[in-house]
Amino acid sequence: MTCPSTAYIHATRVPPTMTSAREAIRWVNWDVDSQEFAVET
């Protein structure tokens, strides 16, 4: 993940059973799909 204000890159661990980035994103974000994210500017 990249912080939009500082451009700092954060590496987050997920369970080794994850088989896709989308699945990992859902796991990290309390089962919210990335398509549901709102972009804040």
PDB file of N, CA and C in Angstrom:
ATOM      1  N   MET A   1       0.852  -1.166   0.000  1.00  0.00           N
ATOM      2  CA  MET A   1       0.000   0.000   0.000  1.00  0.00           C
ATOM      3  C   MET A   1       0.894   1.224   0.000  1.00  0.00           C
ATOM      4  N   THR A   2       0.456   2.268  -0.685  1.00  0.00           N
ATOM      5  CA  THR A   2       1.205   3.518  -0.731  1.00  0.00           C
ATOM      6  C   THR A   2       0.377   4.632  -0.109  1.00  0.00           C
ATOM      7  N   CYS A   3       0.975   5.350   0.822  1.00  0.00           N
ATOM      8  CA  CYS A   3       0.304   6.485   1.463  1.00  0.00           C
ATOM      9  C   CYS A   3       0.220   7.619   0.446  1.00  0.00           C
ATOM     10  N   PRO A   4      -0.988   8.130   0.167  1.00  0.00           N
ATOM     11  CA  PRO A   4      -1.116   9.172  -0.847  1.00  0.00           C
ATOM     12  C   PRO A   4      -0.484  10.505  -0.448  1.00  0.00           C
ATOM     13  N   SER A   5      -0.337  10.781   0.842  1.00  0.00           N
ATOM     14  CA  SER A   5       0.216  12.079   1.246  1.00  0.00           C
ATOM     15  C   SER A   5       1.734  12.069   1.389  1.00  0.00           C
ATOM     16  N   THR A   6       2.322  10.912   1.697  1.00  0.00           N
ATOM     17  CA  THR A   6       3.775  10.855   1.891  1.00  0.00           C
ATOM     18  C   THR A   6       4.490   9.992   0.862  1.00  0.00           C
ATOM     19  N   ALA A   7       3.747   9.197   0.103  1.00  0.00           N
ATOM     20  CA  ALA A   7       4.290   8.239  -0.874  1.00  0.00           C
ATOM     21  C   ALA A   7       5.074   7.115  -0.193  1.00  0.00           C
ATOM     22  N   TYR A   8       4.918   6.979   1.131  1.00  0.00           N
ATOM     23  CA  TYR A   8       5.572   5.892   1.852  1.00  0.00           C
ATOM     24  C   TYR A   8       4.897   4.570   1.494  1.00  0.00           C
ATOM     25  N   ILE A   9       5.694   3.561   1.195  1.00  0.00           N
ATOM     26  CA  ILE A   9       5.164   2.246   0.820  1.00  0.00           C
ATOM     27  C   ILE A   9       5.125   1.355   2.053  1.00  0.00           C
ATOM     28  N   HIS A  10       3.947   0.832   2.357  1.00  0.00           N
ATOM     29  CA  HIS A  10       3.745  -0.072   3.485  1.00  0.00           C
ATOM     30  C   HIS A  10       3.573  -1.494   2.950  1.00  0.00           C
ATOM     31  N   ALA A  11       4.292  -2.435   3.524  1.00  0.00           N
ATOM     32  CA  ALA A  11       4.119  -3.849   3.171  1.00  0.00           C
ATOM     33  C   ALA A  11       3.314  -4.507   4.284  1.00  0.00           C
ATOM     34  N   THR A  12       2.220  -5.146   3.918  1.00  0.00           N
ATOM     35  CA  THR A  12       1.336  -5.778   4.891  1.00  0.00           C
ATOM     36  C   THR A  12       1.319  -7.282   4.639  1.00  0.00           C
ATOM     37  N   ARG A  13       1.494  -8.046   5.700  1.00  0.00           N
ATOM     38  CA  ARG A  13       1.451  -9.502   5.560  1.00  0.00           C
ATOM     39  C   ARG A  13       0.013  -9.992   5.541  1.00  0.00           C
ATOM     40  N   VAL A  14      -0.202 -11.024   4.759  1.00  0.00           N
ATOM     41  CA  VAL A  14      -1.498 -11.691   4.696  1.00  0.00           C
ATOM     42  C   VAL A  14      -1.252 -13.192   4.833  1.00  0.00           C
ATOM     43  N   PRO A  15      -2.281 -13.968   5.130  1.00  0.00           N
ATOM     44  CA  PRO A  15      -2.096 -15.410   5.257  1.00  0.00           C
ATOM     45  C   PRO A  15      -1.525 -16.015   3.965  1.00  0.00           C
ATOM     46  N   PRO A  16      -0.684 -17.021   4.085  1.00  0.00           N
ATOM     47  CA  PRO A  16      -0.070 -17.633   2.901  1.00  0.00           C
ATOM     48  C   PRO A  16      -1.057 -18.355   1.994  1.00  0.00           C
ATOM     49  N   THR A  17      -2.275 -18.536   2.450  1.00  0.00           N
ATOM     50  CA  THR A  17      -3.282 -19.213   1.628  1.00  0.00           C
ATOM     51  C   THR A  17      -3.931 -18.287   0.611  1.00  0.00           C
ATOM     52  N   MET A  18      -3.651 -16.983   0.688  1.00  0.00           N
ATOM     53  CA  MET A  18      -4.219 -16.026  -0.263  1.00  0.00           C
ATOM     54  C   MET A  18      -3.635 -16.309  -1.645  1.00  0.00           C
ATOM     55  N   THR A  19      -4.501 -16.339  -2.665  1.00  0.00           N
ATOM     56  CA  THR A  19      -4.038 -16.677  -4.011  1.00  0.00           C
ATOM     57  C   THR A  19      -4.131 -15.513  -4.990  1.00  0.00           C
ATOM     58  N   SER A  20      -4.675 -14.366  -4.549  1.00  0.00           N
ATOM     59  CA  SER A  20      -4.750 -13.215  -5.445  1.00  0.00           C
ATOM     60  C   SER A  20      -4.627 -11.929  -4.633  1.00  0.00           C
ATOM     61  N   ALA A  21      -4.227 -10.870  -5.318  1.00  0.00           N
ATOM     62  CA  ALA A  21      -4.117  -9.568  -4.665  1.00  0.00           C
ATOM     63  C   ALA A  21      -5.487  -9.094  -4.187  1.00  0.00           C
ATOM     64  N   ARG A  22      -6.508  -9.327  -4.996  1.00  0.00           N
ATOM     65  CA  ARG A  22      -7.859  -8.887  -4.627  1.00  0.00           C
ATOM     66  C   ARG A  22      -8.341  -9.582  -3.352  1.00  0.00           C
ATOM     67  N   GLU A  23      -8.061 -10.862  -3.235  1.00  0.00           N
ATOM     68  CA  GLU A  23      -8.416 -11.606  -2.026  1.00  0.00           C
ATOM     69  C   GLU A  23      -7.682 -11.043  -0.809  1.00  0.00           C
ATOM     70  N   ALA A  24      -6.409 -10.711  -0.981  1.00  0.00           N
ATOM     71  CA  ALA A  24      -5.617 -10.143   0.112  1.00  0.00           C
ATOM     72  C   ALA A  24      -6.143  -8.770   0.519  1.00  0.00           C
ATOM     73  N   ILE A  25      -6.546  -7.957  -0.455  1.00  0.00           N
ATOM     74  CA  ILE A  25      -7.103  -6.635  -0.162  1.00  0.00           C
ATOM     75  C   ILE A  25      -8.378  -6.769   0.654  1.00  0.00           C
ATOM     76  N   ARG A  26      -9.226  -7.715   0.271  1.00  0.00           N
ATOM     77  CA  ARG A  26     -10.463  -7.946   1.040  1.00  0.00           C
ATOM     78  C   ARG A  26     -10.132  -8.367   2.466  1.00  0.00           C
ATOM     79  N   TRP A  27      -9.143  -9.218   2.645  1.00  0.00           N
ATOM     80  CA  TRP A  27      -8.787  -9.721   3.966  1.00  0.00           C
ATOM     81  C   TRP A  27      -8.286  -8.578   4.852  1.00  0.00           C
ATOM     82  N   VAL A  28      -7.454  -7.705   4.296  1.00  0.00           N
ATOM     83  CA  VAL A  28      -6.883  -6.594   5.059  1.00  0.00           C
ATOM     84  C   VAL A  28      -7.947  -5.556   5.408  1.00  0.00           C
ATOM     85  N   ASN A  29      -8.936  -5.371   4.550  1.00  0.00           N
ATOM     86  CA  ASN A  29      -9.924  -4.310   4.721  1.00  0.00           C
ATOM     87  C   ASN A  29     -11.276  -4.824   5.195  1.00  0.00           C
ATOM     88  N   TRP A  30     -11.267  -5.754   6.124  1.00  0.00           N
ATOM     89  CA  TRP A  30     -12.484  -6.249   6.774  1.00  0.00           C
ATOM     90  C   TRP A  30     -13.535  -6.698   5.776  1.00  0.00           C
ATOM     91  N   ASP A  31     -13.108  -7.420   4.748  1.00  0.00           N
ATOM     92  CA  ASP A  31     -13.982  -8.028   3.749  1.00  0.00           C
ATOM     93  C   ASP A  31     -14.693  -7.006   2.853  1.00  0.00           C
ATOM     94  N   VAL A  32     -14.107  -5.803   2.710  1.00  0.00           N
ATOM     95  CA  VAL A  32     -14.639  -4.808   1.786  1.00  0.00           C
ATOM     96  C   VAL A  32     -13.875  -4.958   0.473  1.00  0.00           C
ATOM     97  N   ASP A  33     -14.596  -5.135  -0.619  1.00  0.00           N
ATOM     98  CA  ASP A  33     -13.967  -5.315  -1.921  1.00  0.00           C
ATOM     99  C   ASP A  33     -13.364  -3.993  -2.404  1.00  0.00           C
ATOM    100  N   SER A  34     -12.258  -4.065  -3.121  1.00  0.00           N
ATOM    101  CA  SER A  34     -11.586  -2.855  -3.593  1.00  0.00           C
ATOM    102  C   SER A  34     -12.464  -2.040  -4.531  1.00  0.00           C
ATOM    103  N   GLN A  35     -13.419  -2.642  -5.211  1.00  0.00           N
ATOM    104  CA  GLN A  35     -14.327  -1.902  -6.092  1.00  0.00           C
ATOM    105  C   GLN A  35     -15.271  -0.990  -5.302  1.00  0.00           C
ATOM    106  N   GLU A  36     -15.400  -1.238  -4.008  1.00  0.00           N
ATOM    107  CA  GLU A  36     -16.301  -0.442  -3.169  1.00  0.00           C
ATOM    108  C   GLU A  36     -15.600   0.752  -2.534  1.00  0.00           C
ATOM    109  N   PHE A  37     -14.279   0.849  -2.703  1.00  0.00           N
ATOM    110  CA  PHE A  37     -13.524   1.949  -2.096  1.00  0.00           C
ATOM    111  C   PHE A  37     -13.916   3.274  -2.745  1.00  0.00           C
ATOM    112  N   ALA A  38     -13.966   4.313  -1.944  1.00  0.00           N
ATOM    113  CA  ALA A  38     -14.178   5.659  -2.457  1.00  0.00           C
ATOM    114  C   ALA A  38     -12.830   6.366  -2.520  1.00  0.00           C
ATOM    115  N   VAL A  39     -12.622   7.131  -3.547  1.00  0.00           N
ATOM    116  CA  VAL A  39     -11.376   7.875  -3.694  1.00  0.00           C
ATOM    117  C   VAL A  39     -11.557   9.246  -3.058  1.00  0.00           C
ATOM    118  N   GLU A  40     -10.658   9.573  -2.135  1.00  0.00           N
ATOM    119  CA  GLU A  40     -10.720  10.887  -1.491  1.00  0.00           C
ATOM    120  C   GLU A  40      -9.618  11.768  -2.074  1.00  0.00           C
ATOM    121  N   THR A  41      -9.971  12.993  -2.389  1.00  0.00           N
ATOM    122  CA  THR A  41      -8.966  13.913  -2.917  1.00  0.00           C
ATOM    123  C   THR A  41      -8.857  15.150  -2.055  1.00  0.00           C
TER     124      THR A  41
END
